[in-house]
N, C-alpha and C. Protein backbone atom coordinates (compact mmCIF):
# COMPACT_ATOMS: atom_id res chain seq x y z
N UNK A 1 -18.04 13.96 -8.85
CA UNK A 1 -17.35 13.42 -9.55
C UNK A 1 -18.10 12.22 -10.00
N UNK A 2 -18.18 12.23 -11.19
CA UNK A 2 -18.64 10.45 -11.71
C UNK A 2 -17.74 9.37 -11.90
N UNK A 3 -18.15 8.08 -11.30
CA UNK A 3 -17.49 7.02 -11.45
C UNK A 3 -16.61 6.94 -10.45
N UNK A 4 -17.39 6.95 -9.21
CA UNK A 4 -16.51 7.01 -7.72
C UNK A 4 -16.79 5.42 -7.27
N UNK A 5 -15.74 5.12 -6.56
CA UNK A 5 -16.21 3.74 -5.31
C UNK A 5 -15.98 4.13 -4.12
N UNK A 6 -16.12 3.09 -3.35
CA UNK A 6 -15.74 3.41 -2.06
C UNK A 6 -14.37 3.35 -1.55
N UNK A 7 -13.62 3.76 -0.87
CA UNK A 7 -12.08 3.42 -0.60
C UNK A 7 -11.86 3.39 1.26
N UNK A 8 -11.85 2.33 1.74
CA UNK A 8 -11.19 1.99 3.23
C UNK A 8 -9.78 1.56 3.08
N UNK A 9 -8.87 2.17 3.81
CA UNK A 9 -7.85 1.67 4.39
C UNK A 9 -7.56 1.58 5.88
N UNK A 10 -7.55 0.51 6.33
CA UNK A 10 -7.43 0.34 7.68
C UNK A 10 -6.14 -0.68 8.14
N UNK A 11 -5.49 -0.24 9.33
CA UNK A 11 -4.29 -1.01 9.51
C UNK A 11 -4.49 -1.31 11.08
N UNK A 12 -3.42 -2.70 11.95
CA UNK A 12 -4.30 -2.70 13.06
C UNK A 12 -4.17 -1.66 13.82
N UNK A 13 -3.28 -0.70 13.64
CA UNK A 13 -3.37 0.46 14.75
C UNK A 13 -4.47 1.47 14.19
N UNK A 14 -5.23 1.60 13.39
CA UNK A 14 -6.46 2.77 13.13
C UNK A 14 -6.70 2.34 11.65
N UNK A 15 -7.97 3.70 11.58
CA UNK A 15 -8.34 3.66 10.20
C UNK A 15 -7.44 4.68 9.68
N UNK A 16 -7.13 4.89 8.25
CA UNK A 16 -6.78 5.60 7.65
C UNK A 16 -7.09 6.59 6.92
N UNK A 17 -8.41 6.08 6.40
CA UNK A 17 -9.01 6.39 5.29
C UNK A 17 -10.54 6.04 4.64
N UNK A 18 -11.74 6.54 4.73
CA UNK A 18 -12.83 5.96 4.42
C UNK A 18 -13.51 7.27 3.26
N UNK A 19 -13.19 6.86 2.07
CA UNK A 19 -14.15 8.27 1.31
C UNK A 19 -14.15 7.63 -0.08
N UNK A 20 -14.89 8.08 -0.94
CA UNK A 20 -15.15 7.80 -2.33
C UNK A 20 -13.62 8.67 -3.50
N UNK A 21 -13.68 7.66 -3.80
CA UNK A 21 -12.45 7.85 -5.01
C UNK A 21 -12.63 7.53 -6.20
N UNK A 22 -12.46 8.32 -7.21
CA UNK A 22 -11.93 7.60 -8.82
C UNK A 22 -11.41 7.07 -8.97
N UNK A 23 -9.94 6.77 -8.45
CA UNK A 23 -9.28 6.13 -8.17
C UNK A 23 -8.40 5.34 -7.65
N UNK A 24 -8.11 3.92 -7.45
CA UNK A 24 -7.07 3.52 -6.37
C UNK A 24 -5.80 2.94 -6.84
N UNK A 25 -4.91 3.42 -6.78
CA UNK A 25 -3.39 2.65 -7.24
C UNK A 25 -2.67 2.17 -6.03
N UNK A 26 -3.01 0.45 -6.76
CA UNK A 26 -2.35 -0.22 -5.38
C UNK A 26 -1.19 -1.36 -6.17
N UNK A 27 -0.35 -1.15 -5.08
CA UNK A 27 1.22 -1.94 -5.01
C UNK A 27 0.88 -3.41 -4.75
N UNK A 28 0.33 -3.68 -5.82
CA UNK A 28 0.24 -5.60 -5.76
C UNK A 28 1.59 -6.33 -5.75
N UNK A 29 1.76 -7.15 -5.15
CA UNK A 29 2.14 -8.18 -4.82
C UNK A 29 2.85 -8.75 -6.22
N UNK A 30 1.77 -9.08 -7.60
CA UNK A 30 1.95 -9.39 -9.09
C UNK A 30 2.25 -8.37 -9.47
N UNK A 31 2.39 -7.09 -9.28
CA UNK A 31 2.32 -5.84 -9.94
C UNK A 31 1.52 -4.63 -9.73
N UNK A 32 1.77 -3.53 -9.84
CA UNK A 32 1.09 -2.34 -9.73
C UNK A 32 -0.63 -2.35 -10.43
N UNK A 33 -1.31 -2.23 -9.90
CA UNK A 33 -2.98 -2.17 -10.62
C UNK A 33 -3.33 -0.93 -9.98
N UNK A 34 -4.35 -0.67 -10.68
CA UNK A 34 -5.65 0.64 -10.70
C UNK A 34 -6.62 -0.06 -10.49
N UNK A 35 -7.34 0.22 -9.54
CA UNK A 35 -9.16 0.03 -9.38
C UNK A 35 -9.44 1.30 -9.60
N UNK A 36 -10.71 1.27 -10.91
CA UNK A 36 -11.55 1.98 -10.80
C UNK A 36 -13.21 1.55 -11.05
N UNK A 37 -14.18 2.66 -10.58
CA UNK A 37 -15.39 1.78 -10.79
C UNK A 37 -15.87 0.91 -11.99
N UNK A 38 -16.78 0.15 -11.72
CA UNK A 38 -16.73 -1.21 -12.61
C UNK A 38 -15.61 -2.33 -12.44
N UNK A 39 -14.59 -2.52 -11.76
CA UNK A 39 -13.25 -3.24 -11.62
C UNK A 39 -14.15 -4.81 -11.17
N UNK A 40 -13.55 -5.68 -11.89
CA UNK A 40 -13.48 -6.63 -12.16
C UNK A 40 -13.03 -7.34 -10.35
N UNK A 41 -14.16 -8.20 -9.87
CA UNK A 41 -13.70 -8.72 -8.33
C UNK A 41 -12.37 -9.17 -8.47
N UNK A 42 -11.75 -8.58 -7.55
CA UNK A 42 -10.31 -9.33 -7.30
C UNK A 42 -9.67 -9.18 -5.74
N UNK A 43 -8.99 -10.14 -5.64
CA UNK A 43 -8.28 -9.84 -4.05
C UNK A 43 -6.97 -10.32 -4.13
N UNK A 44 -5.95 -9.36 -3.98
CA UNK A 44 -4.67 -9.55 -4.24
C UNK A 44 -3.73 -9.15 -2.68
N UNK A 45 -2.74 -9.45 -2.75
CA UNK A 45 -1.78 -9.34 -1.59
C UNK A 45 -0.59 -7.94 -2.04
N UNK A 46 -0.70 -7.25 -0.82
CA UNK A 46 0.40 -6.24 -1.34
C UNK A 46 1.48 -6.11 -1.15
N UNK A 47 2.72 -5.49 -1.94
CA UNK A 47 3.98 -5.69 -1.58
C UNK A 47 4.16 -4.54 -0.96
N UNK A 48 5.54 -4.09 -0.21
CA UNK A 48 5.72 -2.82 0.28
C UNK A 48 5.75 -1.87 -0.93
N UNK A 49 4.86 -0.73 -0.62
CA UNK A 49 4.82 0.42 -1.97
C UNK A 49 3.85 1.56 -1.64
N UNK A 50 3.84 2.51 -2.20
CA UNK A 50 2.89 3.57 -2.17
C UNK A 50 2.00 3.51 -2.98
N UNK A 51 0.83 3.43 -1.93
CA UNK A 51 -0.86 3.17 -2.58
C UNK A 51 -1.30 4.88 -2.68
N UNK A 52 -1.70 4.80 -3.79
CA UNK A 52 -2.44 6.45 -4.02
C UNK A 52 -3.94 6.37 -4.55
N UNK A 53 -4.72 7.52 -3.70
CA UNK A 53 -5.88 7.30 -4.07
C UNK A 53 -6.40 8.67 -4.67
N UNK A 54 -7.22 8.78 -5.77
CA UNK A 54 -7.27 10.50 -6.35
C UNK A 54 -9.12 10.30 -5.63
N UNK A 55 -9.03 11.45 -5.07
CA UNK A 55 -10.43 11.65 -5.11
C UNK A 55 -10.80 13.13 -5.50
N UNK A 56 -11.95 13.78 -4.69
CA UNK A 56 -12.55 15.08 -5.48
C UNK A 56 -11.17 16.01 -4.50
N UNK A 57 -10.95 15.59 -3.32
CA UNK A 57 -10.12 16.22 -2.36
C UNK A 57 -8.68 16.31 -3.02
N UNK A 58 -8.26 15.53 -4.21
CA UNK A 58 -6.93 15.28 -4.77
C UNK A 58 -6.26 13.99 -4.47
N UNK A 59 -5.18 13.82 -4.50
CA UNK A 59 -4.43 12.84 -4.44
C UNK A 59 -3.92 12.53 -3.07
N UNK A 60 -4.38 11.39 -2.45
CA UNK A 60 -3.75 11.12 -0.90
C UNK A 60 -2.81 9.86 -1.42
N UNK A 61 -1.36 9.79 -0.76
CA UNK A 61 -0.59 8.89 -0.92
C UNK A 61 -0.25 7.92 0.60
N UNK A 62 -0.08 7.08 0.41
CA UNK A 62 0.12 6.15 2.18
C UNK A 62 0.82 4.83 1.54
N UNK A 63 2.12 4.93 2.64
CA UNK A 63 3.03 3.78 2.28
C UNK A 63 2.40 2.82 3.03
N UNK A 64 2.66 1.53 2.65
CA UNK A 64 2.06 0.18 2.87
C UNK A 64 3.02 -0.39 3.07
N UNK A 65 3.35 -1.45 4.23
CA UNK A 65 4.38 -2.41 3.94
C UNK A 65 3.41 -4.24 3.54
N UNK A 66 2.67 -4.02 3.52
CA UNK A 66 1.93 -5.45 2.97
C UNK A 66 0.52 -5.58 3.26
N UNK A 67 -0.05 -6.78 3.27
CA UNK A 67 -1.44 -6.81 3.74
C UNK A 67 -2.36 -7.52 2.27
N UNK A 68 -3.61 -7.20 2.14
CA UNK A 68 -4.47 -7.79 1.07
C UNK A 68 -5.45 -6.38 0.95
N UNK A 69 -5.75 -6.38 -0.68
CA UNK A 69 -6.92 -5.59 -0.93
C UNK A 69 -7.59 -6.40 -1.81
N UNK A 70 -8.90 -5.95 -1.47
CA UNK A 70 -10.32 -7.00 -2.19
C UNK A 70 -11.03 -5.31 -2.68
N UNK A 71 -10.85 -5.93 -4.03
CA UNK A 71 -11.59 -5.05 -5.41
C UNK A 71 -12.89 -5.34 -5.64
N UNK A 72 -14.17 -4.73 -5.40
CA UNK A 72 -15.22 -4.82 -6.27
C UNK A 72 -15.51 -3.94 -7.44
N UNK A 73 -16.82 -3.86 -7.89
CA UNK A 73 -16.84 -2.87 -8.49
C UNK A 73 -17.52 -1.66 -8.29
N UNK A 74 -17.73 -1.55 -6.79
CA UNK A 74 -18.11 -0.20 -6.51
C UNK A 74 -17.32 0.14 -5.08
N UNK A 75 -15.72 -1.04 -4.77
CA UNK A 75 -14.98 -0.51 -3.56
C UNK A 75 -13.80 -1.25 -3.68
N UNK A 76 -13.00 -0.22 -2.81
CA UNK A 76 -11.46 -0.78 -2.38
C UNK A 76 -11.37 -1.02 -1.18
N UNK A 77 -11.51 -2.41 -0.39
CA UNK A 77 -11.10 -2.27 0.90
C UNK A 77 -9.50 -2.51 0.86
N UNK A 78 -8.60 -2.31 1.57
CA UNK A 78 -7.12 -2.52 2.00
C UNK A 78 -7.12 -2.75 3.45
N UNK A 79 -6.31 -4.02 3.54
CA UNK A 79 -6.46 -4.41 5.05
C UNK A 79 -4.69 -4.58 4.98
N UNK A 80 -4.20 -3.35 5.74
CA UNK A 80 -2.58 -3.24 5.92
C UNK A 80 -1.62 -3.68 6.75
N UNK A 81 -0.88 -4.36 6.75
CA UNK A 81 -0.08 -4.90 7.69
C UNK A 81 0.64 -3.34 8.56
N UNK A 82 1.00 -2.72 8.01
CA UNK A 82 1.37 -1.30 8.53
C UNK A 82 1.02 -0.23 7.12
N UNK A 83 0.23 0.60 7.46
CA UNK A 83 0.46 2.22 6.53
C UNK A 83 0.56 3.23 7.63
N UNK A 84 0.97 4.34 6.74
CA UNK A 84 1.43 5.25 7.04
C UNK A 84 0.97 6.41 5.85
N UNK A 85 0.45 7.85 6.24
CA UNK A 85 0.17 8.56 5.18
C UNK A 85 1.58 9.25 5.09
N UNK A 86 1.70 9.15 3.76
CA UNK A 86 3.32 9.85 3.41
C UNK A 86 3.61 11.07 4.29
N UNK A 87 2.60 11.77 4.30
CA UNK A 87 3.07 13.09 4.91
C UNK A 87 3.39 13.10 6.47
N UNK A 88 3.28 11.81 6.90
CA UNK A 88 3.67 11.58 8.28
C UNK A 88 4.80 10.49 8.19
N UNK A 89 5.39 10.21 6.89
CA UNK A 89 6.79 9.27 6.88
C UNK A 89 7.71 10.05 7.41
N UNK A 90 8.54 9.62 7.95
CA UNK A 90 10.08 10.31 8.29
C UNK A 90 10.76 9.38 7.84
N UNK A 91 12.29 9.68 7.42
CA UNK A 91 13.27 8.91 7.29
C UNK A 91 13.88 8.11 8.04
N UNK A 92 13.45 8.14 9.58
CA UNK A 92 13.78 7.36 10.60
C UNK A 92 12.48 5.92 10.81
N UNK A 93 11.67 6.23 10.43
CA UNK A 93 10.71 5.36 9.92
C UNK A 93 10.84 4.23 8.92
N UNK A 94 11.18 5.10 7.90
CA UNK A 94 11.97 4.42 6.34
C UNK A 94 12.85 3.62 6.85
N UNK A 95 14.11 4.00 7.29
CA UNK A 95 15.24 3.54 7.88
C UNK A 95 14.98 2.16 8.79
N UNK A 96 13.84 2.43 9.79
CA UNK A 96 13.58 1.12 10.69
C UNK A 96 12.92 0.38 9.83
N UNK A 97 12.24 0.29 8.83
CA UNK A 97 11.08 -0.89 8.07
C UNK A 97 12.42 -1.49 7.35
N UNK A 98 13.45 -0.76 6.67
CA UNK A 98 14.58 -1.20 6.11
C UNK A 98 15.20 -2.48 6.88
N UNK A 99 15.28 -1.98 7.99
CA UNK A 99 16.17 -2.68 8.92
C UNK A 99 15.45 -3.70 9.58
N UNK A 100 14.52 -3.77 9.69
CA UNK A 100 13.38 -4.77 10.32
C UNK A 100 13.51 -6.18 8.89
N UNK A 101 13.16 -5.59 7.60
CA UNK A 101 13.17 -6.17 6.62
C UNK A 101 14.47 -6.97 6.41
N UNK A 102 15.43 -6.23 6.35
CA UNK A 102 17.07 -6.59 6.50
C UNK A 102 17.17 -7.85 7.22
N UNK A 103 16.78 -7.54 8.80
CA UNK A 103 17.28 -8.50 9.92
C UNK A 103 16.37 -9.66 9.71
N UNK A 104 14.75 -9.52 8.90
CA UNK A 104 14.24 -11.03 8.39
C UNK A 104 14.94 -12.05 7.48
N UNK A 105 15.91 -11.46 6.43
CA UNK A 105 16.74 -12.10 5.44
C UNK A 105 18.00 -12.64 6.44
N UNK A 106 18.09 -12.46 7.50
CA UNK A 106 18.90 -13.65 8.25
C UNK A 106 18.72 -14.29 9.55
N UNK A 107 17.38 -14.02 9.74
CA UNK A 107 16.46 -15.08 10.54
C UNK A 107 15.92 -16.12 10.26
N UNK A 108 16.10 -16.87 9.29
CA UNK A 108 15.25 -18.42 9.02
C UNK A 108 14.38 -18.10 7.60
N UNK A 109 14.21 -16.55 7.33
CA UNK A 109 12.81 -16.63 6.76
C UNK A 109 13.46 -17.16 5.17
N UNK A 110 12.60 -17.05 4.22
CA UNK A 110 12.86 -17.42 2.83
C UNK A 110 13.68 -16.38 2.54
N UNK A 111 15.10 -16.83 2.07
CA UNK A 111 15.74 -15.36 1.60
C UNK A 111 15.46 -14.97 0.41
N UNK A 112 14.82 -15.33 -0.69
CA UNK A 112 14.39 -15.02 -1.91
C UNK A 112 13.16 -14.00 -1.34
N UNK A 113 12.35 -14.33 -0.48
CA UNK A 113 11.23 -13.75 -0.15
C UNK A 113 11.50 -12.33 0.32
N UNK A 114 12.71 -12.52 1.49
CA UNK A 114 12.96 -11.39 2.20
C UNK A 114 13.62 -10.60 1.30
N UNK A 115 14.55 -11.02 0.47
CA UNK A 115 15.62 -10.06 -0.69
C UNK A 115 14.68 -8.79 -0.99
N UNK A 116 13.66 -9.62 -1.69
CA UNK A 116 12.44 -8.95 -2.59
C UNK A 116 11.76 -7.86 -1.28
N UNK A 117 11.23 -8.04 -0.39
CA UNK A 117 10.49 -7.41 0.57
C UNK A 117 11.94 -6.04 0.68
N UNK A 118 13.16 -6.57 0.91
CA UNK A 118 14.23 -5.28 0.94
C UNK A 118 14.15 -4.57 -0.40
N UNK A 119 14.01 -4.94 -1.41
CA UNK A 119 14.49 -4.67 -2.58
C UNK A 119 13.01 -3.32 -2.30
N UNK A 120 11.96 -3.98 -2.38
CA UNK A 120 10.54 -3.30 -2.55
C UNK A 120 10.66 -2.02 -1.46
N UNK A 121 11.13 -2.13 -0.56
CA UNK A 121 11.31 -1.20 0.33
C UNK A 121 11.89 0.10 -0.10
N UNK A 122 12.89 -0.48 -0.59
CA UNK A 122 14.09 0.69 -1.07
C UNK A 122 13.38 1.42 -2.40
N UNK A 123 12.82 0.67 -2.90
CA UNK A 123 12.01 1.58 -4.09
C UNK A 123 10.82 2.51 -3.38
N UNK A 124 10.08 2.14 -2.21
CA UNK A 124 9.16 2.71 -1.64
C UNK A 124 10.61 3.94 -1.28
N UNK A 125 11.38 3.68 -0.39
CA UNK A 125 11.86 4.94 0.05
C UNK A 125 12.06 5.77 -1.08
N UNK A 126 12.34 5.54 -2.43
CA UNK A 126 12.66 6.33 -3.32
C UNK A 126 11.39 7.32 -3.69
N UNK A 127 10.32 6.18 -3.80
CA UNK A 127 8.81 6.64 -4.38
C UNK A 127 8.29 7.85 -3.51
N UNK A 128 8.78 7.47 -2.09
CA UNK A 128 8.28 8.70 -1.27
C UNK A 128 9.23 9.59 -0.77
N UNK A 129 10.30 9.85 -1.38
CA UNK A 129 11.51 10.86 -1.23
C UNK A 129 12.35 11.04 -0.40
N UNK A 130 12.53 9.68 -0.03
CA UNK A 130 13.48 9.97 0.81
C UNK A 130 14.60 8.67 0.38
């Protein structure tokens, strides 16, 4: 496969992926972006959403709740607050993520930011098929 870059995804619980990818679709806080070989160096925060990685093995999807992505010309490193492969995602887990975010809207958090997180999680629920 021509034009690959190293992709690594880690969360506090575990390393979820380390592979050669042709492209990585990232749910950035300022908008979605796609990283490919030769990308300009970038660091972005993540919003809740679905991160997709295309490789010779096919497309793998992960739900992320936040974190950071560092993009270089030769690689993408994602440090996620929480990440789950879409095939391991359950309706109960999605409901828990939404409930946690909704609770944060009432516990002294910045109301606008908390409401955006709840909306992003609702969109992620739909994108993940729940």
